[in-house]
Amino acid sequence: MSIHQEAFSVSTQGNTEVVDLTGRVGEIVRRSGILKGLATVFMPGSTAGITTIEFEPGLIQDIKKAAEKWASKKTKYKHHLTGDDNGRAHVLSALIGASVSIPVEDRRPQLGTWQQVVLLDFDTRPRDRRVIVQVMGE
């Protein structure tokens, strides 16, 4: 079994910004040389998440609406008592999760036709996010 790992940075604006990572993840999987295995995409941090969606404008707006229903900006979060203003971001990150694992076959992530890997940044300010892609297999 082989393991290949690479990381890259993404500048985000926060406020439920959705960033398509699919192309960069696919490039890393191809470079790994792994024919069959598993790719994990992970984002260190607790105010953003990694998931898969159909990356299209209508759905991006739907996700922003859903995020507001799951964790409203109007809620008074206890986390704010620490002096931070991003309690909502932490809650949404916990719900989405920090990683996604994708099967790899023929040096390609096995995503559905309309499925893309995305980073959802829920924080209240711009950030430079680090994304780690680890590919394991043979």
N, C-alpha and C. Protein backbone atom coordinates (compact mmCIF):
# COMPACT_ATOMS: atom_id res chain seq x y z
N MET A 1 0.85 -1.18 0.00
CA MET A 1 0.00 0.00 0.00
C MET A 1 0.89 1.24 0.00
N SER A 2 0.50 2.24 -0.77
CA SER A 2 1.20 3.52 -0.84
C SER A 2 0.32 4.62 -0.27
N ILE A 3 0.98 5.66 0.24
CA ILE A 3 0.28 6.84 0.74
C ILE A 3 0.93 8.06 0.11
N HIS A 4 0.09 8.93 -0.45
CA HIS A 4 0.55 10.18 -1.06
C HIS A 4 -0.25 11.30 -0.40
N GLN A 5 0.44 12.36 0.03
CA GLN A 5 -0.26 13.47 0.67
C GLN A 5 0.25 14.79 0.14
N GLU A 6 -0.68 15.69 -0.14
CA GLU A 6 -0.37 17.06 -0.55
C GLU A 6 -1.34 18.00 0.14
N ALA A 7 -0.92 19.24 0.26
CA ALA A 7 -1.79 20.27 0.83
C ALA A 7 -1.76 21.50 -0.06
N PHE A 8 -2.82 22.28 0.00
CA PHE A 8 -2.88 23.55 -0.73
C PHE A 8 -3.69 24.55 0.08
N SER A 9 -3.56 25.82 -0.26
CA SER A 9 -4.28 26.89 0.44
C SER A 9 -5.40 27.43 -0.42
N VAL A 10 -6.44 27.87 0.25
CA VAL A 10 -7.59 28.50 -0.41
C VAL A 10 -7.93 29.75 0.39
N SER A 11 -8.00 30.88 -0.27
CA SER A 11 -8.43 32.12 0.39
C SER A 11 -9.95 32.20 0.29
N THR A 12 -10.58 32.43 1.43
CA THR A 12 -12.05 32.48 1.47
C THR A 12 -12.52 33.79 2.10
N GLN A 13 -13.79 34.09 1.90
CA GLN A 13 -14.40 35.31 2.44
C GLN A 13 -15.27 35.03 3.66
N GLY A 14 -15.55 33.75 3.96
CA GLY A 14 -16.44 33.42 5.08
C GLY A 14 -17.89 33.60 4.69
N ASN A 15 -18.77 33.67 5.71
CA ASN A 15 -20.20 33.90 5.51
C ASN A 15 -20.84 32.88 4.57
N THR A 16 -20.53 31.61 4.80
CA THR A 16 -21.06 30.49 4.02
C THR A 16 -20.63 30.55 2.56
N GLU A 17 -19.39 30.93 2.33
CA GLU A 17 -18.84 30.85 0.98
C GLU A 17 -18.63 29.39 0.61
N VAL A 18 -18.95 29.04 -0.62
CA VAL A 18 -18.79 27.68 -1.12
C VAL A 18 -17.70 27.69 -2.20
N VAL A 19 -16.65 26.90 -1.99
CA VAL A 19 -15.51 26.87 -2.91
C VAL A 19 -15.37 25.47 -3.50
N ASP A 20 -15.36 25.37 -4.81
CA ASP A 20 -15.21 24.09 -5.51
C ASP A 20 -13.74 23.66 -5.47
N LEU A 21 -13.47 22.49 -4.89
CA LEU A 21 -12.12 21.95 -4.77
C LEU A 21 -11.88 20.78 -5.72
N THR A 22 -12.87 20.40 -6.49
CA THR A 22 -12.83 19.16 -7.27
C THR A 22 -11.63 19.06 -8.19
N GLY A 23 -11.33 20.11 -8.94
CA GLY A 23 -10.21 20.07 -9.87
C GLY A 23 -8.89 19.84 -9.18
N ARG A 24 -8.66 20.56 -8.09
CA ARG A 24 -7.40 20.42 -7.36
C ARG A 24 -7.28 19.03 -6.72
N VAL A 25 -8.39 18.53 -6.18
CA VAL A 25 -8.37 17.18 -5.60
C VAL A 25 -8.07 16.16 -6.69
N GLY A 26 -8.71 16.28 -7.84
CA GLY A 26 -8.47 15.36 -8.95
C GLY A 26 -7.03 15.36 -9.42
N GLU A 27 -6.42 16.56 -9.48
CA GLU A 27 -5.01 16.65 -9.88
C GLU A 27 -4.11 15.91 -8.88
N ILE A 28 -4.37 16.08 -7.61
CA ILE A 28 -3.56 15.41 -6.59
C ILE A 28 -3.72 13.91 -6.67
N VAL A 29 -4.94 13.45 -6.87
CA VAL A 29 -5.18 12.00 -7.01
C VAL A 29 -4.41 11.46 -8.21
N ARG A 30 -4.45 12.14 -9.34
CA ARG A 30 -3.71 11.70 -10.54
C ARG A 30 -2.21 11.67 -10.27
N ARG A 31 -1.69 12.71 -9.65
CA ARG A 31 -0.25 12.77 -9.34
C ARG A 31 0.19 11.69 -8.38
N SER A 32 -0.73 11.23 -7.55
CA SER A 32 -0.38 10.22 -6.54
C SER A 32 0.09 8.91 -7.18
N GLY A 33 -0.39 8.62 -8.39
CA GLY A 33 -0.06 7.37 -9.05
C GLY A 33 -0.83 6.19 -8.51
N ILE A 34 -1.71 6.42 -7.57
CA ILE A 34 -2.49 5.33 -6.98
C ILE A 34 -3.67 4.99 -7.89
N LEU A 35 -3.71 3.73 -8.31
CA LEU A 35 -4.75 3.28 -9.23
C LEU A 35 -6.07 3.02 -8.52
N LYS A 36 -6.00 2.41 -7.34
CA LYS A 36 -7.21 2.02 -6.62
C LYS A 36 -6.98 2.24 -5.14
N GLY A 37 -7.89 2.96 -4.52
CA GLY A 37 -7.74 3.23 -3.09
C GLY A 37 -8.78 4.20 -2.59
N LEU A 38 -8.32 5.10 -1.73
CA LEU A 38 -9.22 6.03 -1.08
C LEU A 38 -8.53 7.38 -0.93
N ALA A 39 -9.23 8.44 -1.27
CA ALA A 39 -8.73 9.81 -1.08
C ALA A 39 -9.54 10.46 0.04
N THR A 40 -8.83 11.04 0.98
CA THR A 40 -9.47 11.80 2.04
C THR A 40 -9.11 13.27 1.86
N VAL A 41 -10.13 14.12 1.88
CA VAL A 41 -9.95 15.56 1.78
C VAL A 41 -10.30 16.13 3.15
N PHE A 42 -9.34 16.80 3.79
CA PHE A 42 -9.50 17.26 5.16
C PHE A 42 -9.11 18.73 5.27
N MET A 43 -9.86 19.48 6.06
CA MET A 43 -9.58 20.89 6.30
C MET A 43 -9.38 21.08 7.79
N PRO A 44 -8.13 21.38 8.23
CA PRO A 44 -7.92 21.67 9.64
C PRO A 44 -8.64 22.97 10.02
N GLY A 45 -9.36 22.94 11.09
CA GLY A 45 -10.08 24.12 11.53
C GLY A 45 -11.48 23.75 11.98
N SER A 46 -12.12 24.66 12.71
CA SER A 46 -13.43 24.34 13.29
C SER A 46 -14.51 25.36 12.93
N THR A 47 -14.28 26.12 11.83
CA THR A 47 -15.31 27.06 11.39
C THR A 47 -15.65 26.92 9.91
N ALA A 48 -15.26 25.79 9.34
CA ALA A 48 -15.58 25.49 7.93
C ALA A 48 -15.79 23.99 7.82
N GLY A 49 -16.23 23.54 6.68
CA GLY A 49 -16.46 22.11 6.48
C GLY A 49 -16.13 21.69 5.06
N ILE A 50 -16.02 20.39 4.89
CA ILE A 50 -15.78 19.78 3.58
C ILE A 50 -16.91 18.80 3.32
N THR A 51 -17.49 18.86 2.13
CA THR A 51 -18.55 17.92 1.76
C THR A 51 -18.61 17.81 0.24
N THR A 52 -19.62 17.13 -0.27
CA THR A 52 -19.86 17.07 -1.72
C THR A 52 -21.25 17.61 -2.01
N ILE A 53 -21.36 18.33 -3.11
CA ILE A 53 -22.64 18.85 -3.58
C ILE A 53 -22.60 18.93 -5.09
N GLU A 54 -23.73 19.29 -5.68
CA GLU A 54 -23.73 19.72 -7.08
C GLU A 54 -23.43 21.22 -7.04
N PHE A 55 -22.28 21.60 -7.57
CA PHE A 55 -21.83 22.99 -7.49
C PHE A 55 -22.53 23.80 -8.57
N GLU A 56 -23.72 24.30 -8.25
CA GLU A 56 -24.46 25.15 -9.18
C GLU A 56 -25.11 26.27 -8.39
N PRO A 57 -25.28 27.44 -9.00
CA PRO A 57 -25.70 28.64 -8.27
C PRO A 57 -26.97 28.49 -7.43
N GLY A 58 -27.98 27.82 -7.96
CA GLY A 58 -29.22 27.65 -7.20
C GLY A 58 -29.00 26.85 -5.92
N LEU A 59 -28.24 25.78 -6.03
CA LEU A 59 -28.00 24.94 -4.86
C LEU A 59 -27.11 25.66 -3.85
N ILE A 60 -26.18 26.45 -4.32
CA ILE A 60 -25.34 27.23 -3.40
C ILE A 60 -26.22 28.17 -2.57
N GLN A 61 -27.20 28.81 -3.20
CA GLN A 61 -28.13 29.66 -2.46
C GLN A 61 -28.98 28.84 -1.49
N ASP A 62 -29.38 27.63 -1.93
CA ASP A 62 -30.15 26.75 -1.05
C ASP A 62 -29.35 26.36 0.19
N ILE A 63 -28.07 26.10 0.01
CA ILE A 63 -27.20 25.73 1.14
C ILE A 63 -27.09 26.90 2.11
N LYS A 64 -26.96 28.11 1.59
CA LYS A 64 -26.88 29.28 2.46
C LYS A 64 -28.17 29.45 3.27
N LYS A 65 -29.32 29.22 2.64
CA LYS A 65 -30.60 29.29 3.34
C LYS A 65 -30.70 28.20 4.40
N ALA A 66 -30.29 26.99 4.04
CA ALA A 66 -30.34 25.88 4.99
C ALA A 66 -29.42 26.15 6.19
N ALA A 67 -28.24 26.69 5.93
CA ALA A 67 -27.31 27.01 7.02
C ALA A 67 -27.93 28.00 7.99
N GLU A 68 -28.66 28.96 7.47
CA GLU A 68 -29.32 29.94 8.33
C GLU A 68 -30.41 29.28 9.18
N LYS A 69 -31.09 28.27 8.63
CA LYS A 69 -32.11 27.55 9.40
C LYS A 69 -31.47 26.67 10.47
N TRP A 70 -30.35 26.02 10.12
CA TRP A 70 -29.67 25.13 11.08
C TRP A 70 -29.06 25.91 12.23
N ALA A 71 -28.48 27.07 11.92
CA ALA A 71 -27.81 27.89 12.93
C ALA A 71 -27.98 29.35 12.52
N SER A 72 -28.96 29.99 13.09
CA SER A 72 -29.29 31.36 12.71
C SER A 72 -28.23 32.37 13.15
N LYS A 73 -28.04 33.38 12.32
CA LYS A 73 -27.13 34.48 12.68
C LYS A 73 -27.70 35.29 13.86
N LYS A 74 -29.00 35.17 14.08
CA LYS A 74 -29.66 35.93 15.15
C LYS A 74 -29.52 35.28 16.52
N THR A 75 -29.10 34.03 16.55
CA THR A 75 -28.97 33.30 17.82
C THR A 75 -27.84 33.90 18.66
N LYS A 76 -28.05 33.93 19.97
CA LYS A 76 -27.00 34.39 20.89
C LYS A 76 -26.22 33.15 21.34
N TYR A 77 -25.06 32.96 20.74
CA TYR A 77 -24.23 31.78 21.02
C TYR A 77 -23.39 32.01 22.27
N LYS A 78 -23.34 31.04 23.16
CA LYS A 78 -22.53 31.12 24.38
C LYS A 78 -21.05 31.31 24.03
N HIS A 79 -20.63 30.79 22.89
CA HIS A 79 -19.23 30.95 22.46
C HIS A 79 -18.85 32.43 22.35
N HIS A 80 -19.80 33.28 22.06
CA HIS A 80 -19.52 34.71 21.91
C HIS A 80 -19.07 35.34 23.23
N LEU A 81 -19.37 34.68 24.36
CA LEU A 81 -18.93 35.19 25.66
C LEU A 81 -17.41 35.14 25.80
N THR A 82 -16.73 34.39 24.93
CA THR A 82 -15.26 34.32 24.96
C THR A 82 -14.64 35.52 24.25
N GLY A 83 -15.47 36.33 23.60
CA GLY A 83 -14.96 37.47 22.84
C GLY A 83 -14.97 37.22 21.34
N ASP A 84 -15.21 35.97 20.93
CA ASP A 84 -15.33 35.65 19.50
C ASP A 84 -16.75 35.92 19.03
N ASP A 85 -16.91 36.05 17.71
CA ASP A 85 -18.25 36.30 17.15
C ASP A 85 -18.67 35.20 16.17
N ASN A 86 -18.02 34.02 16.26
CA ASN A 86 -18.26 32.99 15.25
C ASN A 86 -18.82 31.68 15.81
N GLY A 87 -19.66 31.79 16.82
CA GLY A 87 -20.29 30.59 17.37
C GLY A 87 -21.08 29.82 16.33
N ARG A 88 -21.79 30.54 15.48
CA ARG A 88 -22.57 29.92 14.40
C ARG A 88 -21.66 29.11 13.48
N ALA A 89 -20.49 29.65 13.16
CA ALA A 89 -19.54 28.96 12.28
C ALA A 89 -19.09 27.63 12.89
N HIS A 90 -18.85 27.64 14.19
CA HIS A 90 -18.44 26.41 14.86
C HIS A 90 -19.54 25.35 14.83
N VAL A 91 -20.78 25.79 15.06
CA VAL A 91 -21.92 24.86 15.03
C VAL A 91 -22.08 24.26 13.64
N LEU A 92 -22.04 25.08 12.60
CA LEU A 92 -22.20 24.58 11.23
C LEU A 92 -21.05 23.67 10.82
N SER A 93 -19.84 24.01 11.23
CA SER A 93 -18.69 23.15 10.93
C SER A 93 -18.87 21.77 11.56
N ALA A 94 -19.36 21.75 12.80
CA ALA A 94 -19.58 20.47 13.48
C ALA A 94 -20.65 19.64 12.75
N LEU A 95 -21.66 20.30 12.21
CA LEU A 95 -22.72 19.58 11.49
C LEU A 95 -22.24 19.03 10.15
N ILE A 96 -21.45 19.79 9.42
CA ILE A 96 -20.96 19.37 8.09
C ILE A 96 -19.79 18.41 8.22
N GLY A 97 -18.86 18.70 9.09
CA GLY A 97 -17.66 17.87 9.26
C GLY A 97 -16.48 18.44 8.49
N ALA A 98 -15.29 18.03 8.90
CA ALA A 98 -14.05 18.59 8.36
C ALA A 98 -13.45 17.78 7.24
N SER A 99 -14.08 16.66 6.87
CA SER A 99 -13.47 15.83 5.83
C SER A 99 -14.51 15.02 5.07
N VAL A 100 -14.04 14.51 3.92
CA VAL A 100 -14.84 13.59 3.12
C VAL A 100 -13.86 12.57 2.51
N SER A 101 -14.28 11.33 2.42
CA SER A 101 -13.47 10.28 1.80
C SER A 101 -14.12 9.83 0.50
N ILE A 102 -13.30 9.64 -0.52
CA ILE A 102 -13.79 9.34 -1.86
C ILE A 102 -13.02 8.14 -2.41
N PRO A 103 -13.70 7.12 -2.91
CA PRO A 103 -12.99 6.00 -3.55
C PRO A 103 -12.21 6.49 -4.77
N VAL A 104 -11.08 5.84 -5.01
CA VAL A 104 -10.24 6.15 -6.17
C VAL A 104 -10.14 4.91 -7.03
N GLU A 105 -10.33 5.09 -8.33
CA GLU A 105 -10.15 4.00 -9.29
C GLU A 105 -9.56 4.60 -10.56
N ASP A 106 -8.59 3.91 -11.14
CA ASP A 106 -7.92 4.40 -12.35
C ASP A 106 -7.37 5.82 -12.18
N ARG A 107 -6.80 6.09 -11.01
CA ARG A 107 -6.22 7.41 -10.69
C ARG A 107 -7.23 8.55 -10.75
N ARG A 108 -8.49 8.25 -10.49
CA ARG A 108 -9.53 9.29 -10.53
C ARG A 108 -10.45 9.14 -9.32
N PRO A 109 -10.82 10.27 -8.70
CA PRO A 109 -11.84 10.20 -7.65
C PRO A 109 -13.15 9.73 -8.26
N GLN A 110 -13.82 8.82 -7.62
CA GLN A 110 -15.06 8.26 -8.15
C GLN A 110 -16.26 9.08 -7.68
N LEU A 111 -16.39 10.26 -8.25
CA LEU A 111 -17.50 11.16 -7.95
C LEU A 111 -18.62 10.96 -8.95
N GLY A 112 -19.83 11.26 -8.54
CA GLY A 112 -20.97 11.19 -9.44
C GLY A 112 -20.90 12.30 -10.49
N THR A 113 -21.70 12.16 -11.53
CA THR A 113 -21.71 13.11 -12.64
C THR A 113 -21.86 14.55 -12.18
N TRP A 114 -22.74 14.80 -11.23
CA TRP A 114 -23.01 16.16 -10.78
C TRP A 114 -22.49 16.40 -9.37
N GLN A 115 -21.47 15.66 -8.96
CA GLN A 115 -20.96 15.73 -7.59
C GLN A 115 -19.57 16.37 -7.57
N GLN A 116 -19.44 17.43 -6.78
CA GLN A 116 -18.16 18.10 -6.62
C GLN A 116 -17.78 18.14 -5.14
N VAL A 117 -16.47 18.22 -4.88
CA VAL A 117 -15.95 18.36 -3.53
C VAL A 117 -15.87 19.85 -3.24
N VAL A 118 -16.45 20.28 -2.12
CA VAL A 118 -16.47 21.70 -1.80
C VAL A 118 -16.04 21.97 -0.37
N LEU A 119 -15.51 23.17 -0.19
CA LEU A 119 -15.23 23.71 1.14
C LEU A 119 -16.32 24.74 1.42
N LEU A 120 -16.93 24.65 2.58
CA LEU A 120 -17.93 25.61 3.01
C LEU A 120 -17.32 26.41 4.16
N ASP A 121 -17.08 27.70 3.96
CA ASP A 121 -16.49 28.52 5.00
C ASP A 121 -17.59 29.31 5.70
N PHE A 122 -17.81 29.00 6.97
CA PHE A 122 -18.89 29.64 7.74
C PHE A 122 -18.40 30.78 8.61
N ASP A 123 -17.09 31.03 8.66
CA ASP A 123 -16.56 32.03 9.58
C ASP A 123 -17.08 33.42 9.25
N THR A 124 -16.80 34.36 10.12
CA THR A 124 -17.33 35.72 9.98
C THR A 124 -16.35 36.67 9.31
N ARG A 125 -15.24 36.13 8.82
CA ARG A 125 -14.21 36.98 8.20
C ARG A 125 -13.44 36.18 7.17
N PRO A 126 -12.69 36.87 6.31
CA PRO A 126 -11.85 36.15 5.34
C PRO A 126 -10.79 35.31 6.05
N ARG A 127 -10.45 34.19 5.43
CA ARG A 127 -9.46 33.28 6.00
C ARG A 127 -8.62 32.67 4.88
N ASP A 128 -7.43 32.24 5.22
CA ASP A 128 -6.63 31.40 4.34
C ASP A 128 -6.76 29.99 4.90
N ARG A 129 -7.42 29.14 4.15
CA ARG A 129 -7.69 27.77 4.59
C ARG A 129 -6.65 26.83 4.00
N ARG A 130 -6.28 25.85 4.77
CA ARG A 130 -5.37 24.80 4.31
C ARG A 130 -6.20 23.53 4.08
N VAL A 131 -6.03 22.92 2.94
CA VAL A 131 -6.75 21.69 2.60
C VAL A 131 -5.69 20.60 2.41
N ILE A 132 -5.89 19.47 3.06
CA ILE A 132 -4.97 18.34 2.96
C ILE A 132 -5.68 17.22 2.21
N VAL A 133 -5.01 16.67 1.20
CA VAL A 133 -5.55 15.54 0.46
C VAL A 133 -4.58 14.37 0.64
N GLN A 134 -5.08 13.29 1.19
CA GLN A 134 -4.27 12.09 1.40
C GLN A 134 -4.89 10.96 0.58
N VAL A 135 -4.06 10.35 -0.26
CA VAL A 135 -4.51 9.25 -1.12
C VAL A 135 -3.78 7.99 -0.69
N MET A 136 -4.55 6.94 -0.39
CA MET A 136 -3.97 5.66 0.04
C MET A 136 -4.46 4.56 -0.88
N GLY A 137 -3.60 3.63 -1.19
CA GLY A 137 -4.01 2.50 -2.02
C GLY A 137 -2.84 1.88 -2.74
N GLU A 138 -3.16 1.27 -3.86
CA GLU A 138 -2.11 0.57 -4.63
C GLU A 138 -2.11 1.02 -6.08
